[in-house]
Protein backbone atom coordinates (compact mmCIF):
# COMPACT_ATOMS: atom_id res chain seq x y z
CA MET A 1 -1.59 28.52 -0.67
CA ALA A 2 0.10 25.88 1.78
CA THR A 3 2.76 23.95 0.29
CA LEU A 4 3.11 20.21 0.72
CA PHE A 5 5.76 20.70 3.30
CA ASP A 6 3.41 22.96 5.35
CA ARG A 7 0.72 20.36 5.04
CA VAL A 8 3.30 17.65 6.31
CA LEU A 9 4.03 19.72 9.24
CA GLU A 10 0.28 20.24 10.23
CA ALA A 11 -0.33 16.39 9.76
CA ASP A 12 2.60 15.86 12.34
CA VAL A 13 0.59 17.76 14.86
CA GLY A 14 -3.05 17.15 13.85
CA ILE A 15 -2.65 13.37 13.71
CA ARG A 16 -1.71 12.93 17.32
CA PRO A 17 -2.50 11.01 19.45
CA GLN A 18 -4.17 8.62 16.99
CA VAL A 19 -1.09 7.92 15.34
CA GLN A 20 2.10 7.32 17.46
CA VAL A 21 5.63 8.25 16.92
CA THR A 22 7.40 5.00 16.11
CA PRO A 23 10.88 4.11 17.26
CA LEU A 24 13.94 4.37 15.23
CA ASP A 25 15.71 1.37 16.53
CA PRO A 26 19.38 0.58 16.01
CA SER A 27 20.00 -2.97 14.39
CA PRO A 28 23.15 -4.03 16.17
CA ALA A 29 23.44 -7.48 14.14
CA LEU A 30 22.73 -5.79 10.79
CA SER A 31 25.20 -3.13 11.68
CA ALA A 32 27.99 -5.32 12.54
CA ALA A 33 27.23 -7.54 9.23
CA LEU A 34 27.07 -4.51 6.92
CA GLY A 35 29.77 -2.14 8.36
CA CYS A 36 27.61 0.81 8.68
CA GLU A 37 25.27 2.08 11.44
CA VAL A 38 21.88 0.51 10.54
CA LEU A 39 18.47 2.11 12.05
CA LEU A 40 15.16 0.60 11.50
CA LYS A 41 12.05 2.82 11.26
CA CYS A 42 9.43 0.69 13.10
CA GLU A 43 6.30 1.57 11.20
CA HIS A 44 5.17 -2.10 11.68
CA LEU A 45 4.37 -1.24 15.16
CA GLN A 46 1.54 0.95 14.37
CA PRO A 47 -1.83 -0.21 15.48
CA THR A 48 -2.70 -1.60 12.29
CA GLY A 49 0.72 -3.04 11.61
CA SER A 50 1.57 -0.52 8.82
CA PHE A 51 2.40 3.21 8.12
CA LYS A 52 -0.79 3.53 6.31
CA VAL A 53 -2.73 4.90 9.48
CA ARG A 54 -0.90 8.17 9.04
CA GLY A 55 -2.23 9.12 5.51
CA ALA A 56 -5.64 7.75 6.26
CA ALA A 57 -6.01 9.52 9.62
CA ASN A 58 -4.68 12.83 8.17
CA LYS A 59 -7.37 12.73 5.16
CA ILE A 60 -10.26 11.91 7.67
CA ARG A 61 -9.09 14.81 9.81
CA VAL A 62 -9.43 17.18 7.28
CA LEU A 63 -12.87 16.07 5.85
CA GLY A 64 -15.78 18.83 6.24
CA GLU A 65 -18.79 17.86 8.15
CA ALA A 66 -20.85 17.02 5.09
CA ALA A 67 -18.29 14.78 3.94
CA ARG A 68 -17.88 13.01 7.23
CA ARG A 69 -21.66 12.57 7.25
CA ASN A 70 -21.67 11.24 3.65
CA GLY A 71 -18.92 8.59 4.22
CA VAL A 72 -15.86 7.80 2.25
CA THR A 73 -14.87 5.05 -0.10
CA THR A 74 -11.18 3.83 -0.74
CA ALA A 75 -9.28 1.12 -2.53
CA SER A 76 -6.57 -1.04 -1.09
CA THR A 77 -4.47 -4.20 -1.17
CA GLY A 78 -4.97 -4.39 2.50
CA ASN A 79 -2.90 -2.04 4.60
CA HIS A 80 -4.53 1.42 3.46
CA GLY A 81 -7.87 -0.21 3.72
CA GLN A 82 -7.20 -1.07 7.44
CA GLY A 83 -5.89 2.35 8.22
CA THR A 84 -8.91 4.11 6.54
CA ALA A 85 -11.31 1.80 8.41
CA ARG A 86 -9.68 2.69 11.63
CA ALA A 87 -9.49 6.41 11.26
CA GLY A 88 -13.21 6.25 10.24
CA ALA A 89 -14.21 4.26 13.07
CA LEU A 90 -12.39 6.76 15.47
CA ALA A 91 -13.98 9.60 13.71
CA GLY A 92 -17.46 8.17 13.16
CA VAL A 93 -17.23 8.19 9.56
CA ALA A 94 -18.62 5.17 7.52
CA VAL A 95 -15.91 3.62 5.19
CA THR A 96 -16.23 1.38 2.20
CA VAL A 97 -12.99 -0.37 1.03
CA TYR A 98 -12.86 -1.85 -2.60
CA VAL A 99 -10.36 -4.65 -2.86
CA GLY A 100 -8.86 -6.47 -5.92
CA ALA A 101 -9.07 -10.14 -6.52
CA SER A 102 -5.49 -10.80 -5.23
CA THR A 103 -6.21 -9.28 -1.77
CA THR A 104 -5.78 -11.83 0.92
CA PRO A 105 -8.69 -13.10 3.28
CA GLN A 106 -6.62 -12.23 6.41
CA LYS A 107 -6.36 -8.35 5.27
CA ILE A 108 -10.08 -8.32 4.26
CA ALA A 109 -10.93 -9.93 7.87
CA ALA A 110 -8.75 -7.15 9.47
CA ILE A 111 -10.62 -4.22 7.34
CA ARG A 112 -14.01 -5.65 8.47
CA ALA A 113 -12.92 -6.07 12.04
CA PHE A 114 -12.65 -2.28 12.03
CA GLY A 115 -16.40 -1.99 10.84
CA ALA A 116 -15.86 -1.14 7.41
CA ASP A 117 -17.68 -2.60 4.40
CA VAL A 118 -15.68 -4.40 1.79
CA VAL A 119 -16.24 -4.78 -1.95
CA SER A 120 -14.29 -7.30 -3.99
CA VAL A 121 -13.63 -6.22 -7.63
CA ASP A 122 -12.56 -8.79 -10.20
CA GLY A 123 -9.13 -7.75 -11.61
CA PRO A 124 -6.03 -6.27 -10.41
CA PRO A 125 -5.52 -3.41 -7.76
CA ILE A 126 -5.96 -0.77 -10.45
CA ALA A 127 -9.39 -1.89 -11.28
CA ALA A 128 -10.58 -1.77 -7.61
CA GLU A 129 -9.02 2.04 -7.28
CA LEU A 130 -11.04 2.96 -10.59
CA GLU A 131 -14.29 1.44 -9.24
CA ALA A 132 -14.09 2.95 -5.84
CA ARG A 133 -13.41 6.26 -7.40
CA ARG A 134 -16.47 5.74 -9.73
CA GLN A 135 -18.84 4.63 -6.79
CA ALA A 136 -17.70 7.71 -4.73
CA GLY A 137 -18.71 9.94 -7.63
CA LEU A 138 -22.09 8.11 -7.86
CA GLN A 139 -22.84 8.10 -4.24
CA GLY A 140 -21.58 11.65 -3.45
CA LYS A 141 -18.93 10.23 -1.05
CA THR A 142 -15.18 11.35 -0.83
CA TYR A 143 -12.73 8.91 -2.45
CA ILE A 144 -9.52 8.34 -0.31
CA SER A 145 -6.66 7.23 -2.69
CA PRO A 146 -4.18 4.98 -1.35
CA TYR A 147 -1.50 7.63 -2.52
CA ASN A 148 -2.87 9.95 -5.03
CA ASP A 149 -3.88 12.47 -2.69
CA LEU A 150 -1.93 15.27 -1.08
CA ASP A 151 -3.39 14.99 2.15
CA VAL A 152 -2.57 11.44 2.47
CA VAL A 153 0.90 11.98 1.15
CA ALA A 154 1.26 14.61 3.99
CA GLY A 155 0.27 12.08 6.54
CA GLN A 156 3.06 9.69 5.26
CA GLY A 157 5.30 12.71 5.43
CA THR A 158 5.00 12.79 9.13
CA ILE A 159 7.78 9.55 9.05
CA GLY A 160 10.14 11.96 7.51
CA VAL A 161 9.53 14.69 10.28
CA GLU A 162 10.23 11.91 12.78
CA LEU A 163 13.31 10.70 11.07
CA ALA A 164 14.91 14.25 10.92
CA ARG A 165 14.32 14.63 14.72
CA GLN A 166 15.42 11.20 15.74
CA ALA A 167 18.53 10.93 13.49
CA PRO A 168 19.59 14.58 12.11
CA ASP A 169 22.86 13.17 10.98
CA LEU A 170 21.10 10.41 8.81
CA ASP A 171 22.99 9.91 5.62
CA ALA A 172 20.56 7.65 3.65
CA VAL A 173 16.91 6.32 4.12
CA PHE A 174 15.73 3.35 2.11
CA VAL A 175 11.98 3.22 1.42
CA SER A 176 9.98 0.80 -0.63
CA VAL A 177 7.90 2.18 -3.59
CA GLY A 178 4.39 1.27 -4.80
CA GLY A 179 2.28 4.33 -5.75
CA GLY A 180 4.64 6.49 -4.22
CA GLY A 181 2.62 8.05 -1.40
CA LEU A 182 5.30 7.09 1.28
CA ILE A 183 8.45 8.15 -0.31
CA SER A 184 6.86 11.23 -1.75
CA GLY A 185 5.98 12.01 1.64
CA ILE A 186 9.00 11.25 3.60
CA GLY A 187 11.15 12.91 0.68
CA THR A 188 9.26 16.15 0.92
CA ALA A 189 9.89 16.42 4.62
CA LEU A 190 13.74 15.30 4.46
CA LYS A 191 14.38 17.62 1.61
CA ASN A 192 13.31 20.44 3.81
CA LEU A 193 14.51 19.39 7.29
CA SER A 194 17.57 17.21 6.48
CA PRO A 195 18.76 17.75 2.99
CA ARG A 196 21.89 15.93 3.59
CA THR A 197 19.86 12.69 3.64
CA ARG A 198 19.87 10.69 0.54
CA VAL A 199 16.22 9.37 -0.36
CA ILE A 200 16.66 6.05 -1.77
CA GLY A 201 13.60 4.27 -3.67
CA VAL A 202 13.45 0.49 -3.73
CA TRP A 203 11.18 -1.65 -5.99
CA PRO A 204 10.64 -5.50 -6.39
CA ASP A 205 11.73 -6.59 -9.99
CA ASN A 206 8.32 -8.07 -10.31
CA SER A 207 6.25 -4.64 -9.98
CA PRO A 208 8.44 -1.64 -10.80
CA CYS A 209 5.42 0.68 -11.89
CA MET A 210 6.50 3.89 -10.64
CA LEU A 211 10.23 3.35 -11.62
CA ASN A 212 9.15 2.60 -15.17
CA ALA A 213 6.99 5.82 -15.28
CA LEU A 214 10.07 7.88 -13.84
CA GLN A 215 12.42 6.28 -16.50
CA ALA A 216 9.75 6.87 -19.27
CA GLY A 217 8.87 10.56 -18.19
CA ALA A 218 5.23 9.55 -17.87
CA ILE A 219 3.09 7.05 -16.32
CA VAL A 220 3.13 3.98 -18.55
CA ASP A 221 1.57 0.40 -18.71
CA THR A 222 3.72 -1.95 -16.69
CA VAL A 223 3.94 -5.81 -16.98
CA GLU A 224 3.68 -7.10 -13.28
CA TYR A 225 4.36 -10.57 -11.84
CA PRO A 226 3.33 -11.96 -8.28
CA THR A 227 5.76 -10.41 -5.73
CA LEU A 228 6.22 -11.00 -1.92
CA SER A 229 5.60 -7.29 -1.75
CA ASP A 230 1.98 -7.24 -2.46
CA ALA A 231 1.58 -3.94 -0.43
CA THR A 232 3.49 -2.08 -3.15
CA ALA A 233 2.04 -3.94 -6.15
CA GLY A 234 -0.40 -2.48 -8.50
CA ALA A 235 -0.37 0.03 -11.55
CA VAL A 236 0.05 3.79 -10.77
CA GLU A 237 -3.09 5.91 -11.51
CA LEU A 238 -2.98 8.17 -14.33
CA GLY A 239 -2.41 11.74 -13.37
CA SER A 240 -0.91 10.59 -9.91
CA VAL A 241 0.00 13.78 -7.78
CA THR A 242 2.94 11.49 -6.47
CA PHE A 243 4.71 11.23 -9.97
CA PRO A 244 6.03 14.57 -10.16
CA ILE A 245 6.92 14.52 -6.39
CA CYS A 246 8.83 11.12 -6.75
CA ARG A 247 10.70 12.57 -9.79
CA ASP A 248 11.92 15.52 -7.24
CA VAL A 249 12.83 13.76 -4.04
CA ILE A 250 14.14 10.36 -5.01
CA ASP A 251 17.90 10.49 -5.30
CA THR A 252 18.57 6.81 -6.12
CA THR A 253 16.54 3.80 -7.46
CA ILE A 254 17.27 0.20 -6.75
CA LEU A 255 15.56 -3.06 -8.05
CA VAL A 256 15.58 -6.23 -5.84
CA THR A 257 14.76 -9.71 -6.67
CA GLU A 258 12.06 -11.89 -4.84
CA ALA A 259 15.01 -13.68 -3.47
CA GLU A 260 16.89 -10.84 -2.07
CA ILE A 261 13.45 -9.53 -0.54
CA ALA A 262 12.88 -13.11 1.21
CA ASN A 263 16.51 -12.97 2.28
CA ALA A 264 16.12 -9.52 3.81
CA MET A 265 12.94 -10.67 5.70
CA ARG A 266 14.92 -13.61 7.16
CA MET A 267 17.67 -11.40 8.11
CA ILE A 268 15.22 -8.99 10.14
CA ALA A 269 13.82 -12.02 11.76
CA GLN A 270 17.11 -13.29 12.88
CA ALA A 271 18.77 -10.06 13.70
CA ASP A 272 15.71 -8.37 15.22
CA ARG A 273 13.26 -10.94 16.06
CA TRP A 274 10.50 -9.05 13.94
CA ILE A 275 8.24 -10.74 11.41
CA VAL A 276 7.65 -8.25 8.57
CA GLU A 277 5.78 -8.17 5.29
CA GLY A 278 7.58 -8.25 1.80
CA ALA A 279 7.28 -4.50 1.31
CA ALA A 280 9.49 -3.71 4.57
CA GLY A 281 11.89 -6.64 3.13
CA VAL A 282 12.03 -4.48 -0.05
CA ALA A 283 13.39 -1.64 1.76
CA VAL A 284 15.84 -3.62 3.66
CA ALA A 285 17.02 -5.62 0.52
CA GLY A 286 17.86 -2.24 -1.13
CA LEU A 287 20.19 -1.56 1.78
CA LEU A 288 21.83 -5.08 1.80
CA LYS A 289 22.33 -4.86 -2.11
CA THR A 290 24.25 -1.39 -1.78
CA ALA A 291 25.73 -1.81 1.52
CA ALA A 292 29.37 -1.38 0.34
CA ALA A 293 28.55 2.32 -0.39
CA TRP A 294 27.53 3.04 3.04
CA ARG A 295 30.17 1.51 5.29
CA LYS A 296 30.69 3.58 8.33
CA ARG A 297 27.78 5.79 7.63
CA LYS A 298 24.30 6.17 9.25
CA VAL A 299 21.48 4.66 7.45
CA ALA A 300 17.70 3.91 7.93
CA ALA A 301 15.37 1.57 6.38
CA VAL A 302 11.51 2.01 6.75
CA LEU A 303 9.82 -1.41 7.96
CA CYS A 304 6.51 0.01 6.51
CA GLY A 305 4.33 -3.26 7.73
CA ARG A 306 4.11 -6.65 9.22
CA ASN A 307 0.84 -7.81 7.70
CA ILE A 308 1.76 -10.97 6.20
CA ALA A 309 0.19 -14.62 6.80
CA LEU A 310 2.65 -16.85 8.98
CA GLU A 311 2.31 -19.52 6.36
CA LYS A 312 3.39 -17.07 3.61
CA PHE A 313 6.17 -15.78 5.85
CA LEU A 314 7.62 -19.10 6.38
CA GLN A 315 7.05 -20.19 2.78
CA ALA A 316 9.24 -17.34 1.82
CA VAL A 317 11.95 -17.26 4.38
CA GLY A 318 12.58 -20.99 5.02
CA PRO A 319 13.94 -22.52 8.41
CA LEU A 320 15.38 -19.86 10.81
CA THR A 321 18.15 -20.21 12.96
CA ASP A 322 19.61 -18.32 15.89
CA ALA A 323 22.67 -17.58 13.87
CA ALA A 324 23.76 -13.91 13.26
CA PRO A 325 23.16 -12.75 9.91
CA SER A 326 26.23 -12.38 7.76
CA SER A 327 26.76 -9.94 5.12
CA PRO A 328 25.60 -10.33 1.76
């Protein structure tokens, strides 16, 4: 049986050219401010503005003919829905996306723009996940989890393959964590291709669901609060395949506050002229918080997405100036 790493390598070939290899760009301003060599993995430059196109494209790629004819369902806070809708449109597979009550109208519109049907579910993101999976069973469709699916994890793992090629001497990579699909894939790839690279998971204080599970040794209920990192919000599904993978591949865990997330988003905008969403800010905030430990070393942060309303971004970061960012 193929290992998860084998599936990552297969996905790295199979999802091309639908999914691009994103740049690993140096950030001179952040490097100068923090005293280490900072590289930014630009997943926000993917066609849907998020890394989620990778896992979705890989899952659609491996579907059998009958599953393609029947169509798929999924659940999403926005980015995974867009990725699945795009992959379905390119493959001729009908897609229905279930969204929770907190999903923004902009993200719902973006999902529909790729031709997918959208069903709103009252309640938190986990309620949409459970309903999407239930309806898939009733309708004979394939359910594509945002994270609880090894084919999806393998697709996200192609980021780790690219990192190992682009920076074989990388000391650490900072990754925001929600359901764990992104860091599970990246960590699996790096543990095999670049074991010297530390895999660092970063969570918002307001939504540390997978972190609480790792600390408890089992998936547990977690009280959540609103966060700028809406893409990582939501409970982890019981029995998720990502739980044991996260336990094995994450070397260090960090919690960041909403103020630290907003500050990281502001610094990225000032240093690199990029607007990124809260989940990308989480990864950079983790780097900023621990920068002293990485002086004179080479580190990367995954800018996992850019899908944030301009008004929300401006409200979070406040007035921007042309001043170079200073060390935290």
